[in-house]
Amino acid sequence: MAGDHRESYTRGGVDAMKWGLVRAAVDRDIWLSARRTATNTCHEGSPDAGWRISFDHDPAVHERDREPGYEQPAGVTHHRLPAMPRNRTDRPDGTVYLEDHLGNLTPESVDVWGAPANSGAFEFQGLYRKWSDRVDQVFAGWDQVDHMPEETYFWEAATQLRDAVKPLTAMVYPSASYYTACRWLGLIERDPGPDSASPPARMWAPQINGPIDRYIIPLQGTLLNLFVLGEMLAAQLEGQGRMWQNARRSVMEIGQHTTKTMCGRPNYDAELLIKSAGWVVGAMGLIALPAVASIGLAVTGLSLASADAILAEIKKNKREVIDIEAAIKIGPVDDILRVTEATLNTDRNNSLDAQVQLDESDCIDLLRTAEHHLATDQAVYDPEAGIYKTCFTMNVADVRTDTAPAQPRDVDINVEFDRLRKAGTIFADELAEELRGIARGVRGVCSSRAGWERPEVGGGGPTGIGIGITGPWEDWVEVRDQLAQILDTTAAQVKEVGEYLVTTANFLERQDDSAREAMEKAASELDAAFT
């Protein structure tokens, strides 16, 4: 029976779904035209067999057709409409024939595949083409499979971005460059594991206290804040993938249901054809705040202020994906198609397009919230109280100010020169390059807008499905670029901090003019990295 076979959202599947609907629409239009003049209409046929229809006699005329020797009255005639091919690409002759009472066929000047008459009345001329064009109009945009965003594109991009930013959470693990450098500085209270050797004590000197307390210790928080920002961008990609997957499935469900309705089966239970928006916010709702390690201070002393704010905003905007009823009911052919069109596009509240717009609006709203925090959040460091409120950036104007909040009163300088040099070298050579690599990885995700582009709806309207032609692309890529730029800036700062620690170790060890000049040069470059 027409409409029973379920197609997938491929070019061939969409074409087959639409063609099945065209066949059902033509069949229903012929059937309804016969019913409108039921007292004087003879009608039989199907899309596969073609139709035999007359508007000048009652079907009772044919009750004696099978009697031996019976001959129909001379005035009995029928219009013979050609069968409709099962494949849209096959287009046979569309000539309508007039059949006389003896079965002789005479071609009429009517072509069911020709230009429709558009008289407002039922006519054979252009009948098949009329409904073929109308179905194309209803599904315009949604049927451009090759131009519809693919869920796999977004899912692969989300995985790529998560892989890129994942090392930011691993910085605080033993053997990681940040952790190792902090251990050489004496900022690790204890190594995990019962057999670990006791870590060295913290080093003190007026030249290094500031960089350690005002940059190195809170750096952990900045890296974790940036990780959450990267996770938010990845979750948005994942959510958009789910959104487009649902949109593709919904197009086929809507087409399937419309075809069933055209075939006159009102008990077909598929009213819940659309799922609401909520895919993007739902994916972001799974982001968890990363754990803070005890490096240089108690865990409770380090807060991820920017990440906390972003996650709170996501929670506030929580939206559940629910089913939406689409009332495509039996009626005239054009009425059924008009409701189908509303279900896809024109219903501003409950259409499939409206749900895509809501999801993309949620995406843009949260991206702009992130941009606001990127622009306005300020880190608050209070080394004496052991409290660090960290954000996305490390803007430390007085990075070399001597703080030493927990320095023993009777100790001015306590430095092991090799340890300090090793820590500085790790910062300058290893950690800085790792951060630059993460930045490169972030920039490589969704490097062009092509995967976000979608067709225009409504047969070439001014806008694409959802919001614009690229949806949230411009806002998303702006935050992605800011994340990459901050990582590059942080890498440059880390490099300068590391080189300063190395030159300071040399000066404290040698105490000569050459070492002093090198340290002062490094100090000047360090200050410049924060201006």
Protein backbone atom coordinates (compact mmCIF):
# COMPACT_ATOMS: atom_id res chain seq x y z
CA MET A 1 0.00 0.00 0.00
CA ALA A 2 1.24 3.51 -0.80
CA GLY A 3 3.29 5.09 1.94
CA ASP A 4 4.05 1.86 3.83
CA HIS A 5 7.75 1.71 2.93
CA ARG A 6 10.01 3.84 5.11
CA GLU A 7 12.87 5.59 3.34
CA SER A 8 16.01 7.00 4.90
CA TYR A 9 17.19 10.60 4.54
CA THR A 10 19.35 10.18 1.47
CA ARG A 11 18.97 11.76 -1.95
CA GLY A 12 17.29 8.62 -3.23
CA GLY A 13 15.24 8.22 -0.05
CA VAL A 14 13.90 11.77 -0.13
CA ASP A 15 13.08 11.50 -3.84
CA ALA A 16 11.25 8.22 -3.22
CA MET A 17 9.33 9.68 -0.26
CA LYS A 18 8.26 12.73 -2.25
CA TRP A 19 7.29 10.68 -5.30
CA GLY A 20 5.18 8.36 -3.18
CA LEU A 21 3.42 11.44 -1.85
CA VAL A 22 2.85 12.79 -5.39
CA ARG A 23 1.27 9.50 -6.46
CA ALA A 24 -0.95 9.50 -3.38
CA ALA A 25 -1.92 13.16 -3.97
CA VAL A 26 -2.97 12.49 -7.59
CA ASP A 27 -4.94 9.41 -6.55
CA ARG A 28 -6.73 11.34 -3.82
CA ASP A 29 -7.50 14.30 -6.08
CA ILE A 30 -9.08 12.01 -8.69
CA TRP A 31 -11.04 10.14 -6.01
CA LEU A 32 -12.31 13.38 -4.46
CA SER A 33 -13.33 14.77 -7.88
CA ALA A 34 -15.35 11.62 -8.47
CA ARG A 35 -17.05 11.90 -5.09
CA ARG A 36 -18.00 15.53 -5.69
CA THR A 37 -20.27 14.34 -8.52
CA ALA A 38 -20.99 10.93 -7.09
CA THR A 39 -24.46 10.56 -8.63
CA ASN A 40 -23.11 10.74 -12.16
CA THR A 41 -19.46 9.62 -12.02
CA CYS A 42 -17.79 6.40 -13.03
CA HIS A 43 -14.30 5.98 -11.55
CA GLU A 44 -11.76 3.21 -11.07
CA GLY A 45 -7.98 2.86 -11.09
CA SER A 46 -4.75 3.44 -9.19
CA PRO A 47 -1.33 5.04 -9.72
CA ASP A 48 0.06 1.72 -10.94
CA ALA A 49 -2.76 0.95 -13.37
CA GLY A 50 -3.85 4.42 -14.38
CA TRP A 51 -7.41 5.68 -14.08
CA ARG A 52 -10.62 5.22 -16.04
CA ILE A 53 -13.05 7.99 -15.25
CA SER A 54 -16.25 9.47 -16.67
CA PHE A 55 -18.41 12.32 -15.46
CA ASP A 56 -21.46 11.57 -17.62
CA HIS A 57 -22.84 8.29 -16.31
CA ASP A 58 -23.39 6.30 -13.14
CA PRO A 59 -21.29 3.19 -12.36
CA ALA A 60 -24.51 1.17 -12.52
CA VAL A 61 -24.24 1.36 -16.29
CA HIS A 62 -21.53 -1.27 -16.07
CA GLU A 63 -23.47 -3.79 -14.02
CA ARG A 64 -24.21 -5.90 -17.15
CA ASP A 65 -20.73 -5.65 -18.70
CA ARG A 66 -19.99 -9.31 -18.07
CA GLU A 67 -23.17 -10.65 -19.60
CA PRO A 68 -22.51 -12.56 -22.82
CA GLY A 69 -23.40 -10.46 -25.85
CA TYR A 70 -24.09 -7.30 -23.85
CA GLU A 71 -22.92 -4.09 -25.52
CA GLN A 72 -22.69 -0.74 -23.75
CA PRO A 73 -24.82 2.12 -25.00
CA ALA A 74 -23.11 4.06 -27.78
CA GLY A 75 -22.88 7.25 -25.74
CA VAL A 76 -20.85 5.72 -22.90
CA THR A 77 -17.28 7.07 -22.88
CA HIS A 78 -14.38 7.20 -20.42
CA HIS A 79 -11.22 9.24 -20.04
CA ARG A 80 -8.18 6.99 -19.69
CA LEU A 81 -5.34 8.54 -17.64
CA PRO A 82 -1.89 6.94 -17.88
CA ALA A 83 -0.31 5.03 -15.03
CA MET A 84 2.20 6.82 -12.88
CA PRO A 85 5.69 5.31 -12.83
CA ARG A 86 7.04 4.05 -9.53
CA ASN A 87 10.27 5.94 -10.13
CA ARG A 88 10.19 9.69 -10.60
CA THR A 89 12.92 9.64 -13.20
CA ASP A 90 10.75 7.52 -15.50
CA ARG A 91 8.39 9.91 -17.30
CA PRO A 92 6.11 8.11 -19.79
CA ASP A 93 3.72 9.71 -22.24
CA GLY A 94 1.13 11.84 -20.44
CA THR A 95 -1.56 11.76 -23.11
CA VAL A 96 -5.15 11.26 -21.94
CA TYR A 97 -7.29 9.07 -24.21
CA LEU A 98 -11.03 9.04 -24.76
CA GLU A 99 -12.38 5.49 -24.74
CA ASP A 100 -15.65 4.78 -26.57
CA HIS A 101 -18.22 2.08 -25.71
CA LEU A 102 -16.31 -0.48 -27.78
CA GLY A 103 -12.96 0.20 -26.08
CA ASN A 104 -11.45 2.18 -28.93
CA LEU A 105 -9.00 4.89 -27.77
CA THR A 106 -8.69 8.35 -29.26
CA PRO A 107 -5.98 10.72 -27.97
CA GLU A 108 -7.23 13.93 -26.42
CA SER A 109 -5.40 17.26 -26.51
CA VAL A 110 -4.58 16.85 -22.84
CA ASP A 111 -1.24 16.02 -21.18
CA VAL A 112 -1.22 15.17 -17.48
CA TRP A 113 2.49 16.08 -17.37
CA GLY A 114 2.02 19.37 -19.22
CA ALA A 115 1.57 22.86 -17.84
CA PRO A 116 -1.37 22.91 -15.37
CA ALA A 117 -4.49 24.77 -16.46
CA ASN A 118 -4.76 26.52 -13.06
CA SER A 119 -8.45 27.19 -13.57
CA GLY A 120 -9.34 26.38 -9.99
CA ALA A 121 -11.45 23.43 -11.10
CA PHE A 122 -10.47 19.78 -11.42
CA GLU A 123 -8.87 19.25 -14.82
CA PHE A 124 -6.84 16.51 -16.41
CA GLN A 125 -4.46 18.97 -18.07
CA GLY A 126 -1.25 19.12 -16.03
CA LEU A 127 -2.84 17.10 -13.20
CA TYR A 128 0.26 15.03 -12.41
CA ARG A 129 2.64 17.93 -12.82
CA LYS A 130 0.48 20.16 -10.60
CA TRP A 131 0.88 17.90 -7.58
CA SER A 132 4.50 17.07 -8.39
CA ASP A 133 5.34 20.78 -8.37
CA ARG A 134 3.34 21.37 -5.20
CA VAL A 135 5.10 18.59 -3.28
CA ASP A 136 8.45 20.00 -4.42
CA GLN A 137 7.36 23.39 -3.09
CA VAL A 138 6.32 21.96 0.28
CA PHE A 139 9.66 20.22 0.81
CA ALA A 140 11.81 22.93 -0.79
CA GLY A 141 15.10 23.22 1.08
CA TRP A 142 14.49 20.17 3.24
CA ASP A 143 14.89 17.95 0.18
CA GLN A 144 18.38 19.25 -0.67
CA VAL A 145 20.12 16.35 1.03
CA ASP A 146 23.58 17.20 -0.30
CA HIS A 147 23.36 20.72 1.14
CA MET A 148 21.87 19.83 4.52
CA PRO A 149 24.30 19.92 7.48
CA GLU A 150 25.30 16.40 8.48
CA GLU A 151 25.27 15.24 12.07
CA THR A 152 28.52 13.33 11.59
CA TYR A 153 30.32 16.55 10.63
CA PHE A 154 29.42 18.11 13.98
CA TRP A 155 30.11 14.96 15.99
CA GLU A 156 33.54 14.50 14.44
CA ALA A 157 34.31 18.18 15.06
CA ALA A 158 33.19 17.83 18.70
CA THR A 159 35.52 14.86 19.17
CA GLN A 160 38.36 16.78 17.51
CA LEU A 161 37.85 19.76 19.82
CA ARG A 162 37.58 17.61 22.95
CA ASP A 163 40.80 15.85 21.99
CA ALA A 164 42.45 19.24 21.48
CA VAL A 165 41.55 20.68 24.91
CA LYS A 166 41.74 17.46 26.94
CA PRO A 167 45.45 18.01 27.81
CA LEU A 168 44.41 21.11 29.79
CA THR A 169 42.91 18.87 32.49
CA ALA A 170 45.92 16.57 32.45
CA MET A 171 48.33 19.41 33.34
CA VAL A 172 47.82 18.69 37.04
CA TYR A 173 48.59 14.97 36.75
CA PRO A 174 51.98 13.57 37.80
CA SER A 175 54.43 13.49 34.89
CA ALA A 176 52.64 16.37 33.17
CA SER A 177 54.85 19.36 32.42
CA TYR A 178 52.96 21.83 34.66
CA TYR A 179 52.86 19.37 37.56
CA THR A 180 56.54 18.47 37.14
CA ALA A 181 57.64 22.10 37.06
CA CYS A 182 55.55 22.85 40.14
CA ARG A 183 57.12 19.89 41.91
CA TRP A 184 60.60 21.25 41.21
CA LEU A 185 59.44 24.57 42.69
CA GLY A 186 58.27 22.75 45.82
CA LEU A 187 54.54 23.44 45.30
CA ILE A 188 53.38 19.83 45.57
CA GLU A 189 52.52 18.85 49.12
CA ARG A 190 52.60 15.14 48.40
CA ASP A 191 52.79 12.86 45.40
CA PRO A 192 49.95 10.38 45.00
CA GLY A 193 50.69 6.78 45.86
CA PRO A 194 52.12 5.18 49.00
CA ASP A 195 55.59 4.61 47.52
CA SER A 196 56.18 8.14 46.25
CA ALA A 197 59.22 9.96 47.47
CA SER A 198 58.60 13.08 49.53
CA PRO A 199 58.47 16.14 47.26
CA PRO A 200 60.99 18.92 47.85
CA ALA A 201 60.12 21.99 49.91
CA ARG A 202 59.12 25.26 48.36
CA MET A 203 61.89 27.64 47.34
CA TRP A 204 61.90 31.29 48.37
CA ALA A 205 63.54 34.42 47.00
CA PRO A 206 62.28 37.99 46.51
CA GLN A 207 62.82 37.60 42.74
CA ILE A 208 60.67 34.45 42.37
CA ASN A 209 57.97 34.77 45.05
CA GLY A 210 55.75 36.98 42.89
CA PRO A 211 55.81 34.85 39.71
CA ILE A 212 55.13 31.74 41.79
CA ASP A 213 52.28 33.15 43.90
CA ARG A 214 50.74 35.48 41.34
CA TYR A 215 51.07 33.38 38.19
CA ILE A 216 52.25 29.81 38.51
CA ILE A 217 49.84 28.77 41.27
CA PRO A 218 46.67 30.32 39.75
CA LEU A 219 47.69 29.16 36.25
CA GLN A 220 46.06 25.82 37.05
CA GLY A 221 42.71 27.60 37.43
CA THR A 222 43.07 29.46 34.15
CA LEU A 223 43.86 26.26 32.26
CA LEU A 224 40.81 24.53 33.77
CA ASN A 225 38.58 27.50 32.96
CA LEU A 226 39.76 27.32 29.35
CA PHE A 227 39.09 23.60 29.32
CA VAL A 228 35.45 24.23 30.30
CA LEU A 229 35.18 26.84 27.54
CA GLY A 230 36.49 24.29 25.05
CA GLU A 231 34.07 21.69 26.39
CA MET A 232 31.20 24.15 25.96
CA LEU A 233 32.14 24.70 22.31
CA ALA A 234 32.42 20.94 21.79
CA ALA A 235 29.06 20.29 23.49
CA GLN A 236 27.44 22.83 21.19
CA LEU A 237 28.79 20.92 18.22
CA GLU A 238 27.51 17.65 19.64
CA GLY A 239 24.08 19.17 20.32
CA GLN A 240 23.86 20.60 16.83
CA GLY A 241 24.70 17.19 15.43
CA ARG A 242 21.78 15.71 17.36
CA MET A 243 19.57 18.58 16.20
CA TRP A 244 20.35 17.95 12.53
CA GLN A 245 19.99 14.21 12.95
CA ASN A 246 16.53 14.79 14.40
CA ALA A 247 15.66 17.26 11.62
CA ARG A 248 16.57 14.75 8.92
CA ARG A 249 14.53 12.01 10.56
CA SER A 250 11.61 14.37 11.09
CA VAL A 251 11.50 15.33 7.40
CA MET A 252 11.03 11.68 6.51
CA GLU A 253 8.47 11.12 9.29
CA ILE A 254 6.45 14.12 8.14
CA GLY A 255 6.54 12.95 4.53
CA GLN A 256 5.59 9.42 5.55
CA HIS A 257 2.68 10.61 7.64
CA THR A 258 1.43 12.96 4.92
CA THR A 259 1.44 10.09 2.41
CA LYS A 260 -0.51 7.88 4.83
CA THR A 261 -3.02 10.68 5.31
CA MET A 262 -3.38 11.13 1.54
CA CYS A 263 -4.15 7.43 1.30
CA GLY A 264 -7.09 7.96 3.66
CA ARG A 265 -5.90 6.20 6.78
CA PRO A 266 -6.91 8.46 9.67
CA ASN A 267 -6.08 5.83 12.31
CA TYR A 268 -2.40 5.93 11.44
CA ASP A 269 -0.83 6.70 14.83
CA ALA A 270 2.04 9.06 14.06
CA GLU A 271 0.91 12.43 15.27
CA LEU A 272 4.12 13.10 17.26
CA LEU A 273 6.25 13.92 14.25
CA ILE A 274 8.53 16.64 15.66
CA LYS A 275 10.75 16.88 18.70
CA SER A 276 11.20 20.25 20.31
CA ALA A 277 14.37 22.25 20.70
CA GLY A 278 16.70 21.37 23.54
CA TRP A 279 19.43 19.36 21.85
CA VAL A 280 22.16 22.00 22.25
CA VAL A 281 21.41 23.00 25.84
CA GLY A 282 20.95 19.34 26.72
CA ALA A 283 24.42 18.46 25.44
CA MET A 284 25.98 21.38 27.32
CA GLY A 285 24.19 20.34 30.49
CA LEU A 286 26.47 17.29 30.69
CA ILE A 287 29.62 19.39 31.19
CA ALA A 288 31.13 18.87 34.64
CA LEU A 289 33.43 21.25 36.49
CA PRO A 290 36.92 19.71 36.47
CA ALA A 291 38.63 18.82 39.73
CA VAL A 292 41.23 21.20 41.13
CA ALA A 293 44.54 19.82 42.41
CA SER A 294 46.34 20.95 45.54
CA ILE A 295 49.29 22.79 44.00
CA GLY A 296 50.76 25.58 46.10
CA LEU A 297 47.57 25.97 48.16
CA ALA A 298 44.58 24.07 49.44
CA VAL A 299 42.05 22.89 46.86
CA THR A 300 39.37 25.06 48.45
CA GLY A 301 41.46 28.15 47.82
CA LEU A 302 41.21 27.96 44.02
CA SER A 303 37.88 28.68 42.31
CA LEU A 304 37.03 28.55 38.60
CA ALA A 305 34.91 31.68 38.47
CA SER A 306 34.38 31.94 34.71
CA ALA A 307 33.63 28.25 34.30
CA ASP A 308 31.21 28.37 37.24
CA ALA A 309 29.38 31.30 35.65
CA ILE A 310 29.10 29.61 32.26
CA LEU A 311 27.80 26.36 33.74
CA ALA A 312 25.28 28.27 35.88
CA GLU A 313 23.98 30.03 32.77
CA ILE A 314 23.61 26.69 30.98
CA LYS A 315 21.68 25.29 33.93
CA LYS A 316 19.42 28.36 34.02
CA ASN A 317 18.58 27.93 30.33
CA LYS A 318 17.83 24.23 30.60
CA ARG A 319 15.38 23.03 27.95
CA GLU A 320 13.98 19.50 27.71
CA VAL A 321 13.45 17.86 24.33
CA ILE A 322 9.75 16.94 24.09
CA ASP A 323 7.42 15.61 21.41
CA ILE A 324 5.30 18.11 19.47
CA GLU A 325 1.99 17.06 17.96
CA ALA A 326 1.54 17.76 14.25
CA ALA A 327 -2.12 17.64 13.23
CA ILE A 328 -1.97 16.56 9.58
CA LYS A 329 -5.59 15.46 9.07
CA ILE A 330 -7.55 13.98 6.19
CA GLY A 331 -9.05 16.56 3.84
CA PRO A 332 -8.62 18.03 0.37
CA VAL A 333 -5.22 17.44 -1.16
CA ASP A 334 -4.06 21.05 -0.99
CA ASP A 335 -5.25 21.37 2.62
CA ILE A 336 -3.17 18.35 3.62
CA LEU A 337 -0.11 19.76 1.86
CA ARG A 338 -0.66 23.21 3.37
CA VAL A 339 -0.61 21.72 6.89
CA THR A 340 2.47 19.68 5.97
CA GLU A 341 4.18 22.88 4.84
CA ALA A 342 3.26 24.53 8.14
CA THR A 343 4.65 21.54 10.03
CA LEU A 344 7.95 21.96 8.20
CA ASN A 345 8.28 25.73 7.92
CA THR A 346 5.48 28.20 8.34
CA ASP A 347 4.19 27.53 11.87
CA ARG A 348 6.32 30.01 13.81
CA ASN A 349 5.97 28.12 17.09
CA ASN A 350 5.74 24.41 16.39
CA SER A 351 7.28 23.79 12.97
CA LEU A 352 10.48 21.83 12.46
CA ASP A 353 12.19 25.00 11.28
CA ALA A 354 11.06 26.84 14.44
CA GLN A 355 12.67 24.16 16.63
CA VAL A 356 15.96 24.46 14.72
CA GLN A 357 15.78 28.23 15.21
CA LEU A 358 15.22 27.80 18.97
CA ASP A 359 18.19 25.46 19.31
CA GLU A 360 20.42 27.79 17.33
CA SER A 361 19.20 30.79 19.35
CA ASP A 362 20.12 28.95 22.56
CA CYS A 363 23.53 28.29 21.05
CA ILE A 364 24.07 31.95 20.13
CA ASP A 365 22.81 33.24 23.50
CA LEU A 366 25.28 31.09 25.43
CA LEU A 367 28.12 31.97 23.07
CA ARG A 368 27.47 35.64 23.68
CA THR A 369 27.35 34.99 27.40
CA ALA A 370 30.79 33.38 27.07
CA GLU A 371 32.02 36.37 25.06
CA HIS A 372 30.81 38.67 27.85
CA HIS A 373 32.78 36.72 30.45
CA LEU A 374 35.83 36.65 28.22
CA ALA A 375 35.68 40.42 27.95
CA THR A 376 34.80 41.36 31.52
CA ASP A 377 35.86 38.68 34.03
CA GLN A 378 38.76 39.72 36.22
CA ALA A 379 40.87 37.33 38.23
CA VAL A 380 41.18 38.04 41.95
CA TYR A 381 44.36 36.80 43.66
CA ASP A 382 44.90 37.05 47.40
CA PRO A 383 48.02 35.01 48.11
CA GLU A 384 48.09 35.99 51.77
CA ALA A 385 44.59 34.58 52.32
CA GLY A 386 45.28 31.66 50.00
CA ILE A 387 42.32 32.55 47.78
CA TYR A 388 42.46 32.65 43.99
CA LYS A 389 39.38 33.47 41.92
CA THR A 390 40.52 32.50 38.43
CA CYS A 391 39.00 33.24 35.05
CA PHE A 392 39.82 32.73 31.37
CA THR A 393 42.84 35.04 31.28
CA MET A 394 45.97 35.70 33.32
CA ASN A 395 46.11 39.50 33.51
CA VAL A 396 48.67 40.09 36.24
CA ALA A 397 49.96 43.65 36.22
CA ASP A 398 52.43 43.13 39.07
CA VAL A 399 53.61 39.62 38.37
CA ARG A 400 57.05 40.16 39.98
CA THR A 401 55.77 41.76 43.19
CA ASP A 402 57.27 39.92 46.16
CA THR A 403 54.42 38.30 48.08
CA ALA A 404 55.73 35.25 49.92
CA PRO A 405 52.66 34.87 52.16
CA ALA A 406 53.84 31.69 53.84
CA GLN A 407 57.55 32.39 53.84
CA PRO A 408 59.27 31.59 57.16
CA ARG A 409 60.14 34.84 58.93
CA ASP A 410 63.78 33.95 59.36
CA VAL A 411 64.29 32.96 55.72
CA ASP A 412 64.99 35.44 52.93
CA ILE A 413 66.39 33.22 50.22
CA ASN A 414 66.08 29.45 50.02
CA VAL A 415 66.79 28.32 46.47
CA GLU A 416 68.26 25.21 44.92
CA PHE A 417 69.57 26.59 41.66
CA ASP A 418 69.31 23.41 39.58
CA ARG A 419 65.72 22.86 40.70
CA LEU A 420 64.78 26.40 39.78
CA ARG A 421 66.47 26.08 36.37
CA LYS A 422 64.70 22.79 35.69
CA ALA A 423 61.33 24.31 36.56
CA GLY A 424 62.00 27.34 34.36
CA THR A 425 63.16 25.19 31.45
CA ILE A 426 60.03 23.05 31.64
CA PHE A 427 57.83 26.14 31.58
CA ALA A 428 59.73 27.81 28.73
CA ASP A 429 60.30 24.79 26.51
CA GLU A 430 57.66 22.15 27.27
CA LEU A 431 54.54 23.77 28.70
CA ALA A 432 54.66 26.77 26.36
CA GLU A 433 54.87 24.49 23.31
CA GLU A 434 52.08 22.27 24.64
CA LEU A 435 49.79 25.29 24.97
CA ARG A 436 50.68 26.46 21.47
CA GLY A 437 49.86 22.97 20.20
CA ILE A 438 46.48 23.05 21.93
CA ALA A 439 45.81 26.43 20.34
CA ARG A 440 46.63 25.02 16.89
CA GLY A 441 44.31 22.09 17.53
CA VAL A 442 41.48 24.40 18.57
CA ARG A 443 41.88 26.57 15.45
CA GLY A 444 41.75 23.48 13.25
CA VAL A 445 38.21 22.61 14.32
CA CYS A 446 35.52 23.74 11.84
CA SER A 447 38.09 25.69 9.89
CA SER A 448 35.48 26.78 7.32
CA ARG A 449 31.77 27.58 7.35
CA ALA A 450 30.95 24.96 4.72
CA GLY A 451 29.72 22.33 7.16
CA TRP A 452 27.29 24.81 8.75
CA GLU A 453 25.64 25.99 5.53
CA ARG A 454 22.09 24.89 4.88
CA PRO A 455 19.56 25.31 2.05
CA GLU A 456 17.09 28.14 1.78
CA VAL A 457 13.49 27.21 2.59
CA GLY A 458 10.31 28.05 0.79
CA GLY A 459 11.71 27.75 -2.71
CA GLY A 460 14.47 30.33 -2.51
CA GLY A 461 13.41 32.51 0.38
CA PRO A 462 15.64 35.07 2.05
CA THR A 463 16.82 32.78 4.82
CA GLY A 464 18.05 29.27 5.35
CA ILE A 465 16.65 26.58 7.59
CA GLY A 466 17.10 27.75 11.17
CA ILE A 467 18.94 31.07 11.56
CA GLY A 468 20.44 32.45 8.39
CA ILE A 469 22.55 30.44 5.99
CA THR A 470 25.20 29.39 8.55
CA GLY A 471 23.27 29.43 11.84
CA PRO A 472 25.49 30.16 14.87
CA TRP A 473 28.73 29.78 12.89
CA GLU A 474 29.94 33.38 13.25
CA ASP A 475 29.38 33.50 17.02
CA TRP A 476 30.83 30.02 17.53
CA VAL A 477 33.97 30.68 15.54
CA GLU A 478 34.48 33.99 17.35
CA VAL A 479 34.61 32.22 20.72
CA ARG A 480 36.76 29.44 19.24
CA ASP A 481 39.25 32.02 17.97
CA GLN A 482 39.29 33.81 21.33
CA LEU A 483 40.01 30.50 23.07
CA ALA A 484 42.89 29.81 20.70
CA GLN A 485 44.24 33.34 21.09
CA ILE A 486 44.15 33.13 24.89
CA LEU A 487 46.03 29.84 24.74
CA ASP A 488 48.67 31.44 22.54
CA THR A 489 48.92 34.44 24.89
CA THR A 490 49.19 32.15 27.90
CA ALA A 491 51.89 30.15 26.13
CA ALA A 492 53.87 33.35 25.57
CA GLN A 493 53.47 34.30 29.22
CA VAL A 494 54.53 30.83 30.37
CA LYS A 495 57.61 31.05 28.16
CA GLU A 496 58.60 34.41 29.64
CA VAL A 497 58.01 33.17 33.19
CA GLY A 498 60.16 30.12 32.50
CA GLU A 499 63.01 32.11 31.01
CA TYR A 500 62.86 34.54 33.92
CA LEU A 501 63.14 31.68 36.41
CA VAL A 502 66.17 30.28 34.55
CA THR A 503 67.98 33.64 34.44
CA THR A 504 67.10 34.26 38.09
CA ALA A 505 68.60 30.90 39.08
CA ASN A 506 71.78 31.83 37.21
CA PHE A 507 71.98 35.23 38.90
CA LEU A 508 71.34 33.91 42.41
CA GLU A 509 74.01 31.28 41.86
CA ARG A 510 76.68 33.43 40.18
CA GLN A 511 75.94 36.95 41.46
CA ASP A 512 77.84 38.58 38.55
CA ASP A 513 77.00 41.49 36.25
CA SER A 514 76.42 39.32 33.21
CA ALA A 515 73.88 37.16 35.04
CA ARG A 516 72.21 40.28 36.49
CA GLU A 517 71.85 41.83 33.02
CA ALA A 518 70.32 38.61 31.65
CA MET A 519 67.86 38.46 34.56
CA GLU A 520 66.89 42.12 34.17
CA LYS A 521 66.34 41.62 30.44
CA ALA A 522 64.15 38.58 31.13
CA ALA A 523 62.29 40.57 33.81
CA SER A 524 61.56 43.33 31.30
CA GLU A 525 60.25 40.83 28.75
CA LEU A 526 58.16 39.17 31.45
CA ASP A 527 56.55 42.47 32.40
CA ALA A 528 55.85 43.18 28.72
CA ALA A 529 54.00 39.87 28.39
CA PHE A 530 51.35 41.16 30.82
CA THR A 531 50.79 44.59 29.28
